[in-house]
Amino acid sequence: MIRKFEKHIQSDKEQSVLDCLSEYTDLSKQKIKQALQNGAVWLETDKGVSRVRRAKKIIKINQIVHIYYDALIQSSRPVAAELVADEGEYSVWNKPCGMYSQGSKWGDHCSIYRWSEQNLLPQRPAFLVHRLDRAANGLIVLAHTKTIAAKLSAMFESRQIYKKYRAVVEGLMTEIEIPYEINSELDGKSAISEIVELSFDKLSNTTGVYIVIKTGRKHQIRRHLSGMGFPIVGDRLYGASNTGTDLQLSSVNIRFECPVTHNAKNYQLALM
């Protein structure tokens, strides 16, 4: 059984992507079509490298087809995301735990932007403008035009978009005063988080933490809270003792000025 491989095929004749991959791999046509739809096939031309999904796409002489096939990834199925708001040129989603923000060269069918492209009506392309950890859940914004993608990306970069998260951490965080700023470098770069609200559950010895981030470093909230001695429940990477549940980290509030209408927008995730 074919498990995992990659191939890079320089075409010596004009033919369809499907025919090329049928000739140079041992995959069935059905599996090739699945790999195409799942984002595991790329076409390299003199204009660059991009995903190709159409089996009938004609490749020209000297163009290169790249396939990154992993049977485990191909058999994975995305968890359903919930549409929070369709604003036309962008949309807001509730990304579930386990869904990726973006794909890899091995596929993108389990990512939020691909889910949007396949399920949002009317259909339109989706562009990622910020990220949310695979293990986290909650609000994420997708753009549907390159112009709005550039504007939203710039707004995230310049901190014009307010983002609030809720985490449940191990232990009772009773020794700090609110608001409490965590200003601790991560990977040699400035990283600032601010705890704005706390709630305590003495029975489970946990604290509900509402936290606003002023920078966007990788795993920033998880690393900052763990560094304080309060790892997030379910956080296998950063020291949680309770790892029998999903990561208890949610993006619960996003606020910004709409780049289309310039009206104030406020999206909130209702928590159980």
C-alpha atoms as a PDB file:
ATOM      1  CA  MET A   1       0.000   0.000   0.000  1.00  0.00           C
ATOM      2  CA  ILE A   2       1.293   3.460  -0.891  1.00  0.00           C
ATOM      3  CA  ARG A   3       1.812   5.408   2.312  1.00  0.00           C
ATOM      4  CA  LYS A   4       3.842   8.533   1.609  1.00  0.00           C
ATOM      5  CA  PHE A   5       5.978   9.881  -1.220  1.00  0.00           C
ATOM      6  CA  GLU A   6       6.766  12.993  -3.213  1.00  0.00           C
ATOM      7  CA  LYS A   7       7.605  13.280  -6.902  1.00  0.00           C
ATOM      8  CA  HIS A   8       8.721  16.124  -9.129  1.00  0.00           C
ATOM      9  CA  ILE A   9       7.966  15.430 -12.780  1.00  0.00           C
ATOM     10  CA  GLN A  10       9.238  17.620 -15.601  1.00  0.00           C
ATOM     11  CA  SER A  11       6.878  17.163 -18.515  1.00  0.00           C
ATOM     12  CA  ASP A  12       8.347  16.171 -21.885  1.00  0.00           C
ATOM     13  CA  LYS A  13       5.013  16.631 -23.678  1.00  0.00           C
ATOM     14  CA  GLU A  14       1.724  18.441 -23.418  1.00  0.00           C
ATOM     15  CA  GLN A  15      -0.744  16.381 -21.432  1.00  0.00           C
ATOM     16  CA  SER A  16      -3.255  16.673 -18.630  1.00  0.00           C
ATOM     17  CA  VAL A  17      -2.150  16.640 -15.017  1.00  0.00           C
ATOM     18  CA  LEU A  18      -4.162  13.459 -14.537  1.00  0.00           C
ATOM     19  CA  ASP A  19      -2.414  11.669 -17.411  1.00  0.00           C
ATOM     20  CA  CYS A  20       0.999  12.835 -16.229  1.00  0.00           C
ATOM     21  CA  LEU A  21       0.491  11.569 -12.685  1.00  0.00           C
ATOM     22  CA  SER A  22      -1.048   8.331 -13.941  1.00  0.00           C
ATOM     23  CA  GLU A  23       2.095   7.731 -15.998  1.00  0.00           C
ATOM     24  CA  TYR A  24       4.656   8.563 -13.339  1.00  0.00           C
ATOM     25  CA  THR A  25       3.016   7.333 -10.112  1.00  0.00           C
ATOM     26  CA  ASP A  26       1.325   4.124  -8.983  1.00  0.00           C
ATOM     27  CA  LEU A  27      -1.780   5.956  -7.787  1.00  0.00           C
ATOM     28  CA  SER A  28      -5.169   5.142  -9.239  1.00  0.00           C
ATOM     29  CA  LYS A  29      -6.938   7.905 -11.150  1.00  0.00           C
ATOM     30  CA  GLN A  30      -9.449   8.156  -8.322  1.00  0.00           C
ATOM     31  CA  LYS A  31      -6.695   8.787  -5.759  1.00  0.00           C
ATOM     32  CA  ILE A  32      -5.003  11.291  -8.075  1.00  0.00           C
ATOM     33  CA  LYS A  33      -8.247  13.237  -8.395  1.00  0.00           C
ATOM     34  CA  GLN A  34      -8.642  13.171  -4.624  1.00  0.00           C
ATOM     35  CA  ALA A  35      -5.074  14.422  -4.154  1.00  0.00           C
ATOM     36  CA  LEU A  36      -5.775  17.234  -6.624  1.00  0.00           C
ATOM     37  CA  GLN A  37      -8.927  18.313  -4.805  1.00  0.00           C
ATOM     38  CA  ASN A  38      -7.171  18.064  -1.447  1.00  0.00           C
ATOM     39  CA  GLY A  39      -4.371  20.409  -2.489  1.00  0.00           C
ATOM     40  CA  ALA A  40      -1.465  17.947  -2.677  1.00  0.00           C
ATOM     41  CA  VAL A  41      -0.501  18.687  -6.301  1.00  0.00           C
ATOM     42  CA  TRP A  42       1.423  21.751  -7.484  1.00  0.00           C
ATOM     43  CA  LEU A  43       2.358  23.079 -10.916  1.00  0.00           C
ATOM     44  CA  GLU A  44       5.611  24.946 -11.499  1.00  0.00           C
ATOM     45  CA  THR A  45       5.713  27.318 -14.477  1.00  0.00           C
ATOM     46  CA  ASP A  46       7.879  30.300 -15.382  1.00  0.00           C
ATOM     47  CA  LYS A  47       5.438  32.383 -13.327  1.00  0.00           C
ATOM     48  CA  GLY A  48       5.979  30.423 -10.136  1.00  0.00           C
ATOM     49  CA  VAL A  49       4.558  27.466  -8.232  1.00  0.00           C
ATOM     50  CA  SER A  50       0.878  27.126  -7.318  1.00  0.00           C
ATOM     51  CA  ARG A  51      -1.628  24.451  -6.429  1.00  0.00           C
ATOM     52  CA  VAL A  52      -3.490  22.801  -9.275  1.00  0.00           C
ATOM     53  CA  ARG A  53      -6.828  21.101  -8.660  1.00  0.00           C
ATOM     54  CA  ARG A  54      -8.261  20.400 -12.120  1.00  0.00           C
ATOM     55  CA  ALA A  55      -7.478  16.929 -13.439  1.00  0.00           C
ATOM     56  CA  LYS A  56      -7.882  18.160 -17.040  1.00  0.00           C
ATOM     57  CA  LYS A  57      -5.435  21.049 -16.626  1.00  0.00           C
ATOM     58  CA  ILE A  58      -2.957  20.871 -19.526  1.00  0.00           C
ATOM     59  CA  ILE A  59       0.693  21.081 -18.578  1.00  0.00           C
ATOM     60  CA  LYS A  60       3.205  22.251 -21.165  1.00  0.00           C
ATOM     61  CA  ILE A  61       6.645  20.939 -22.056  1.00  0.00           C
ATOM     62  CA  ASN A  62       9.250  21.608 -19.330  1.00  0.00           C
ATOM     63  CA  GLN A  63       6.663  22.575 -16.739  1.00  0.00           C
ATOM     64  CA  ILE A  64       7.028  20.615 -13.507  1.00  0.00           C
ATOM     65  CA  VAL A  65       4.299  18.781 -11.605  1.00  0.00           C
ATOM     66  CA  HIS A  66       4.952  18.268  -7.904  1.00  0.00           C
ATOM     67  CA  ILE A  67       2.908  15.785  -5.901  1.00  0.00           C
ATOM     68  CA  TYR A  68       3.180  15.354  -2.127  1.00  0.00           C
ATOM     69  CA  TYR A  69       1.179  12.279  -1.245  1.00  0.00           C
ATOM     70  CA  ASP A  70       0.517  11.115   2.295  1.00  0.00           C
ATOM     71  CA  ALA A  71      -2.209   8.475   2.640  1.00  0.00           C
ATOM     72  CA  LEU A  72      -2.894   9.489   6.246  1.00  0.00           C
ATOM     73  CA  ILE A  73      -3.426  13.128   5.321  1.00  0.00           C
ATOM     74  CA  GLN A  74      -5.507  12.202   2.284  1.00  0.00           C
ATOM     75  CA  SER A  75      -7.818  10.074   4.434  1.00  0.00           C
ATOM     76  CA  SER A  76      -8.316  12.870   6.984  1.00  0.00           C
ATOM     77  CA  ARG A  77     -11.663  14.634   6.981  1.00  0.00           C
ATOM     78  CA  PRO A  78     -12.163  18.241   8.102  1.00  0.00           C
ATOM     79  CA  VAL A  79     -14.237  19.046  11.159  1.00  0.00           C
ATOM     80  CA  ALA A  80     -17.113  21.370  10.249  1.00  0.00           C
ATOM     81  CA  ALA A  81     -16.585  25.080  10.882  1.00  0.00           C
ATOM     82  CA  GLU A  82     -19.471  27.411  11.760  1.00  0.00           C
ATOM     83  CA  LEU A  83     -20.131  30.581   9.773  1.00  0.00           C
ATOM     84  CA  VAL A  84     -20.520  33.530  12.153  1.00  0.00           C
ATOM     85  CA  ALA A  85     -20.920  36.345   9.596  1.00  0.00           C
ATOM     86  CA  ASP A  86     -20.704  36.658   5.815  1.00  0.00           C
ATOM     87  CA  GLU A  87     -19.722  40.228   5.012  1.00  0.00           C
ATOM     88  CA  GLY A  88     -19.280  39.631   1.276  1.00  0.00           C
ATOM     89  CA  GLU A  89     -15.626  40.554   0.808  1.00  0.00           C
ATOM     90  CA  TYR A  90     -14.686  38.857   4.089  1.00  0.00           C
ATOM     91  CA  SER A  91     -16.270  36.426   6.503  1.00  0.00           C
ATOM     92  CA  VAL A  92     -15.936  35.434  10.151  1.00  0.00           C
ATOM     93  CA  TRP A  93     -15.917  31.801  11.252  1.00  0.00           C
ATOM     94  CA  ASN A  94     -15.887  29.757  14.433  1.00  0.00           C
ATOM     95  CA  LYS A  95     -12.959  27.425  13.758  1.00  0.00           C
ATOM     96  CA  PRO A  96     -13.218  24.143  15.666  1.00  0.00           C
ATOM     97  CA  CYS A  97     -10.385  22.545  17.580  1.00  0.00           C
ATOM     98  CA  GLY A  98      -8.438  20.278  15.231  1.00  0.00           C
ATOM     99  CA  MET A  99      -8.942  22.351  12.086  1.00  0.00           C
ATOM    100  CA  TYR A 100      -5.851  23.991  10.589  1.00  0.00           C
ATOM    101  CA  SER A 101      -5.660  27.690   9.765  1.00  0.00           C
ATOM    102  CA  GLN A 102      -3.632  26.909   6.659  1.00  0.00           C
ATOM    103  CA  GLY A 103      -2.581  23.845   4.730  1.00  0.00           C
ATOM    104  CA  SER A 104       0.840  22.494   3.856  1.00  0.00           C
ATOM    105  CA  LYS A 105       2.370  21.240   0.629  1.00  0.00           C
ATOM    106  CA  TRP A 106       0.819  17.847   1.507  1.00  0.00           C
ATOM    107  CA  GLY A 107      -2.739  19.195   1.386  1.00  0.00           C
ATOM    108  CA  ASP A 108      -5.126  21.910   2.525  1.00  0.00           C
ATOM    109  CA  HIS A 109      -8.541  20.227   2.653  1.00  0.00           C
ATOM    110  CA  CYS A 110      -8.584  20.282   6.477  1.00  0.00           C
ATOM    111  CA  SER A 111      -7.917  24.033   6.667  1.00  0.00           C
ATOM    112  CA  ILE A 112     -10.412  26.766   7.473  1.00  0.00           C
ATOM    113  CA  TYR A 113      -9.833  28.690   4.247  1.00  0.00           C
ATOM    114  CA  ARG A 114     -10.447  25.606   2.102  1.00  0.00           C
ATOM    115  CA  TRP A 115     -13.571  24.821   4.127  1.00  0.00           C
ATOM    116  CA  SER A 116     -14.774  28.346   3.385  1.00  0.00           C
ATOM    117  CA  GLU A 117     -14.070  28.013  -0.339  1.00  0.00           C
ATOM    118  CA  GLN A 118     -16.077  24.809  -0.520  1.00  0.00           C
ATOM    119  CA  ASN A 119     -18.988  25.692   1.778  1.00  0.00           C
ATOM    120  CA  LEU A 120     -19.618  29.440   1.600  1.00  0.00           C
ATOM    121  CA  LEU A 121     -22.326  30.453  -0.873  1.00  0.00           C
ATOM    122  CA  PRO A 122     -21.941  32.038  -3.301  1.00  0.00           C
ATOM    123  CA  GLN A 123     -18.542  30.372  -3.647  1.00  0.00           C
ATOM    124  CA  ARG A 124     -15.478  32.610  -3.686  1.00  0.00           C
ATOM    125  CA  PRO A 125     -11.748  32.335  -2.997  1.00  0.00           C
ATOM    126  CA  ALA A 126     -10.557  32.673   0.583  1.00  0.00           C
ATOM    127  CA  PHE A 127      -7.353  34.303   1.849  1.00  0.00           C
ATOM    128  CA  LEU A 128      -5.908  33.839   5.321  1.00  0.00           C
ATOM    129  CA  VAL A 129      -5.135  37.145   7.077  1.00  0.00           C
ATOM    130  CA  HIS A 130      -4.285  35.838  10.557  1.00  0.00           C
ATOM    131  CA  ARG A 131      -3.897  32.471  12.271  1.00  0.00           C
ATOM    132  CA  LEU A 132      -5.337  30.463  15.109  1.00  0.00           C
ATOM    133  CA  ASP A 133      -3.581  27.411  16.548  1.00  0.00           C
ATOM    134  CA  ARG A 134      -4.873  24.074  15.269  1.00  0.00           C
ATOM    135  CA  ALA A 135      -5.520  23.017  18.862  1.00  0.00           C
ATOM    136  CA  ALA A 136      -7.448  26.228  19.660  1.00  0.00           C
ATOM    137  CA  ASN A 137     -10.966  27.111  18.604  1.00  0.00           C
ATOM    138  CA  GLY A 138     -12.915  30.284  18.011  1.00  0.00           C
ATOM    139  CA  LEU A 139     -13.205  33.338  15.810  1.00  0.00           C
ATOM    140  CA  ILE A 140     -11.092  33.739  12.689  1.00  0.00           C
ATOM    141  CA  VAL A 141     -11.446  36.216   9.811  1.00  0.00           C
ATOM    142  CA  LEU A 142     -11.028  35.269   6.142  1.00  0.00           C
ATOM    143  CA  ALA A 143     -10.802  37.669   3.202  1.00  0.00           C
ATOM    144  CA  HIS A 144     -12.399  36.914  -0.169  1.00  0.00           C
ATOM    145  CA  THR A 145     -10.607  39.417  -2.387  1.00  0.00           C
ATOM    146  CA  LYS A 146      -6.906  40.196  -2.614  1.00  0.00           C
ATOM    147  CA  THR A 147      -7.583  43.879  -1.930  1.00  0.00           C
ATOM    148  CA  ILE A 148      -9.428  43.208   1.324  1.00  0.00           C
ATOM    149  CA  ALA A 149      -6.868  40.545   2.268  1.00  0.00           C
ATOM    150  CA  ALA A 150      -4.101  43.160   2.016  1.00  0.00           C
ATOM    151  CA  LYS A 151      -6.113  45.689   4.058  1.00  0.00           C
ATOM    152  CA  LEU A 152      -7.016  43.218   6.806  1.00  0.00           C
ATOM    153  CA  SER A 153      -3.465  41.856   6.966  1.00  0.00           C
ATOM    154  CA  ALA A 154      -2.147  45.401   7.396  1.00  0.00           C
ATOM    155  CA  MET A 155      -4.731  46.046  10.127  1.00  0.00           C
ATOM    156  CA  PHE A 156      -3.663  42.933  12.031  1.00  0.00           C
ATOM    157  CA  GLU A 157      -0.004  43.871  11.584  1.00  0.00           C
ATOM    158  CA  SER A 158      -0.536  47.431  12.875  1.00  0.00           C
ATOM    159  CA  ARG A 159      -2.708  46.213  15.794  1.00  0.00           C
ATOM    160  CA  GLN A 160      -5.885  47.918  14.579  1.00  0.00           C
ATOM    161  CA  ILE A 161      -7.839  44.752  15.321  1.00  0.00           C
ATOM    162  CA  TYR A 162      -8.803  43.927  18.890  1.00  0.00           C
ATOM    163  CA  LYS A 163      -8.581  40.229  19.764  1.00  0.00           C
ATOM    164  CA  LYS A 164      -9.648  38.707  23.065  1.00  0.00           C
ATOM    165  CA  TYR A 165      -9.227  35.074  24.096  1.00  0.00           C
ATOM    166  CA  ARG A 166     -10.479  32.900  26.907  1.00  0.00           C
ATOM    167  CA  ALA A 167      -8.306  30.214  28.448  1.00  0.00           C
ATOM    168  CA  VAL A 168      -8.896  27.827  31.321  1.00  0.00           C
ATOM    169  CA  VAL A 169      -5.648  27.314  33.222  1.00  0.00           C
ATOM    170  CA  GLU A 170      -4.583  24.870  35.892  1.00  0.00           C
ATOM    171  CA  GLY A 171      -4.432  26.429  39.345  1.00  0.00           C
ATOM    172  CA  LEU A 172      -5.977  29.494  40.973  1.00  0.00           C
ATOM    173  CA  MET A 173      -4.477  32.731  39.671  1.00  0.00           C
ATOM    174  CA  THR A 174      -5.229  34.741  42.815  1.00  0.00           C
ATOM    175  CA  GLU A 175      -1.977  36.651  43.278  1.00  0.00           C
ATOM    176  CA  ILE A 176      -2.303  39.157  40.412  1.00  0.00           C
ATOM    177  CA  GLU A 177      -4.201  42.412  40.012  1.00  0.00           C
ATOM    178  CA  ILE A 178      -6.328  43.068  36.933  1.00  0.00           C
ATOM    179  CA  PRO A 179      -5.389  44.298  34.387  1.00  0.00           C
ATOM    180  CA  TYR A 180      -2.129  42.362  34.416  1.00  0.00           C
ATOM    181  CA  GLU A 181       0.393  42.783  31.611  1.00  0.00           C
ATOM    182  CA  ILE A 182       2.731  39.995  30.569  1.00  0.00           C
ATOM    183  CA  ASN A 183       5.660  41.552  28.721  1.00  0.00           C
ATOM    184  CA  SER A 184       8.028  38.673  28.069  1.00  0.00           C
ATOM    185  CA  GLU A 185      10.035  38.181  24.898  1.00  0.00           C
ATOM    186  CA  LEU A 186       9.385  35.087  22.811  1.00  0.00           C
ATOM    187  CA  ASP A 187      11.985  33.881  20.317  1.00  0.00           C
ATOM    188  CA  GLY A 188      13.914  37.132  20.758  1.00  0.00           C
ATOM    189  CA  LYS A 189      10.920  39.323  19.856  1.00  0.00           C
ATOM    190  CA  SER A 190       8.673  41.540  21.923  1.00  0.00           C
ATOM    191  CA  ALA A 191       5.522  39.742  23.080  1.00  0.00           C
ATOM    192  CA  ILE A 192       2.805  41.473  25.105  1.00  0.00           C
ATOM    193  CA  SER A 193      -0.356  39.923  26.523  1.00  0.00           C
ATOM    194  CA  GLU A 194      -2.771  41.492  28.989  1.00  0.00           C
ATOM    195  CA  ILE A 195      -5.034  39.574  31.355  1.00  0.00           C
ATOM    196  CA  VAL A 196      -8.253  41.590  31.669  1.00  0.00           C
ATOM    197  CA  GLU A 197     -10.601  39.307  33.617  1.00  0.00           C
ATOM    198  CA  LEU A 198     -10.469  36.250  35.877  1.00  0.00           C
ATOM    199  CA  SER A 199     -12.983  33.744  37.211  1.00  0.00           C
ATOM    200  CA  PHE A 200     -12.192  30.984  39.690  1.00  0.00           C
ATOM    201  CA  ASP A 201     -13.402  27.420  40.046  1.00  0.00           C
ATOM    202  CA  LYS A 202     -12.068  26.132  43.355  1.00  0.00           C
ATOM    203  CA  LEU A 203     -13.727  22.752  42.892  1.00  0.00           C
ATOM    204  CA  SER A 204     -11.659  21.977  39.776  1.00  0.00           C
ATOM    205  CA  ASN A 205      -8.720  24.174  40.864  1.00  0.00           C
ATOM    206  CA  THR A 206      -8.826  26.112  37.584  1.00  0.00           C
ATOM    207  CA  THR A 207      -9.032  29.742  36.531  1.00  0.00           C
ATOM    208  CA  GLY A 208     -10.890  31.208  33.584  1.00  0.00           C
ATOM    209  CA  VAL A 209      -8.638  33.835  32.038  1.00  0.00           C
ATOM    210  CA  TYR A 210      -9.696  36.487  29.546  1.00  0.00           C
ATOM    211  CA  ILE A 211      -6.640  37.787  27.790  1.00  0.00           C
ATOM    212  CA  VAL A 212      -5.939  40.374  25.084  1.00  0.00           C
ATOM    213  CA  ILE A 213      -2.844  40.063  22.909  1.00  0.00           C
ATOM    214  CA  LYS A 214      -0.987  43.122  21.658  1.00  0.00           C
ATOM    215  CA  THR A 215       1.477  41.122  19.552  1.00  0.00           C
ATOM    216  CA  GLY A 216       1.047  37.909  17.596  1.00  0.00           C
ATOM    217  CA  ARG A 217       3.903  35.532  18.353  1.00  0.00           C
ATOM    218  CA  LYS A 218       3.639  31.788  17.855  1.00  0.00           C
ATOM    219  CA  HIS A 219       1.748  30.139  20.735  1.00  0.00           C
ATOM    220  CA  GLN A 220       2.014  33.458  22.587  1.00  0.00           C
ATOM    221  CA  ILE A 221      -0.832  32.978  25.065  1.00  0.00           C
ATOM    222  CA  ARG A 222       0.055  29.355  25.744  1.00  0.00           C
ATOM    223  CA  ARG A 223       3.710  30.184  26.396  1.00  0.00           C
ATOM    224  CA  HIS A 224       3.001  33.282  28.470  1.00  0.00           C
ATOM    225  CA  LEU A 225       0.538  31.538  30.781  1.00  0.00           C
ATOM    226  CA  SER A 226       2.723  28.462  31.108  1.00  0.00           C
ATOM    227  CA  GLY A 227       5.674  30.717  31.915  1.00  0.00           C
ATOM    228  CA  MET A 228       3.676  32.147  34.812  1.00  0.00           C
ATOM    229  CA  GLY A 229       3.175  28.628  36.158  1.00  0.00           C
ATOM    230  CA  PHE A 230      -0.417  28.316  34.918  1.00  0.00           C
ATOM    231  CA  PRO A 231      -0.498  26.055  31.822  1.00  0.00           C
ATOM    232  CA  ILE A 232      -3.733  25.902  29.868  1.00  0.00           C
ATOM    233  CA  VAL A 233      -5.846  22.809  30.511  1.00  0.00           C
ATOM    234  CA  GLY A 234      -5.225  20.312  27.705  1.00  0.00           C
ATOM    235  CA  ASP A 235      -1.953  21.904  26.582  1.00  0.00           C
ATOM    236  CA  ARG A 236       0.316  18.964  25.805  1.00  0.00           C
ATOM    237  CA  LEU A 237       3.121  21.208  24.560  1.00  0.00           C
ATOM    238  CA  TYR A 238       3.443  23.574  27.484  1.00  0.00           C
ATOM    239  CA  GLY A 239       3.227  21.633  30.692  1.00  0.00           C
ATOM    240  CA  ALA A 240      -0.420  20.873  31.442  1.00  0.00           C
ATOM    241  CA  SER A 241      -0.992  17.918  33.756  1.00  0.00           C
ATOM    242  CA  ASN A 242      -4.548  17.493  32.465  1.00  0.00           C
ATOM    243  CA  THR A 243      -4.113  16.449  28.828  1.00  0.00           C
ATOM    244  CA  GLY A 244      -7.187  14.258  28.586  1.00  0.00           C
ATOM    245  CA  THR A 245      -9.232  17.063  27.048  1.00  0.00           C
ATOM    246  CA  ASP A 246      -8.923  19.477  24.128  1.00  0.00           C
ATOM    247  CA  LEU A 247      -6.879  22.625  24.592  1.00  0.00           C
ATOM    248  CA  GLN A 248      -9.042  25.060  26.547  1.00  0.00           C
ATOM    249  CA  LEU A 249      -8.207  28.148  24.523  1.00  0.00           C
ATOM    250  CA  SER A 250     -10.798  30.069  22.501  1.00  0.00           C
ATOM    251  CA  SER A 251     -10.758  33.232  20.408  1.00  0.00           C
ATOM    252  CA  VAL A 252     -13.924  34.867  21.770  1.00  0.00           C
ATOM    253  CA  ASN A 253     -13.999  38.482  20.570  1.00  0.00           C
ATOM    254  CA  ILE A 254     -12.742  40.337  17.479  1.00  0.00           C
ATOM    255  CA  ARG A 255     -13.426  44.039  16.932  1.00  0.00           C
ATOM    256  CA  PHE A 256     -12.320  46.337  14.125  1.00  0.00           C
ATOM    257  CA  GLU A 257     -13.410  48.988  11.654  1.00  0.00           C
ATOM    258  CA  CYS A 258     -14.797  47.344   8.533  1.00  0.00           C
ATOM    259  CA  PRO A 259     -12.364  47.991   5.646  1.00  0.00           C
ATOM    260  CA  VAL A 260     -15.315  48.106   3.223  1.00  0.00           C
ATOM    261  CA  THR A 261     -17.966  50.223   4.980  1.00  0.00           C
ATOM    262  CA  HIS A 262     -15.792  51.727   7.771  1.00  0.00           C
ATOM    263  CA  ASN A 263     -18.490  50.778  10.275  1.00  0.00           C
ATOM    264  CA  ALA A 264     -17.519  49.352  13.655  1.00  0.00           C
ATOM    265  CA  LYS A 265     -17.678  45.545  13.737  1.00  0.00           C
ATOM    266  CA  ASN A 266     -17.834  43.443  16.884  1.00  0.00           C
ATOM    267  CA  TYR A 267     -17.947  39.645  16.681  1.00  0.00           C
ATOM    268  CA  GLN A 268     -18.321  37.579  19.845  1.00  0.00           C
ATOM    269  CA  LEU A 269     -18.302  33.850  20.456  1.00  0.00           C
ATOM    270  CA  ALA A 270     -20.934  32.614  22.879  1.00  0.00           C
ATOM    271  CA  LEU A 271     -19.375  30.218  25.363  1.00  0.00           C
ATOM    272  CA  MET A 272     -21.210  27.396  27.142  1.00  0.00           C
END
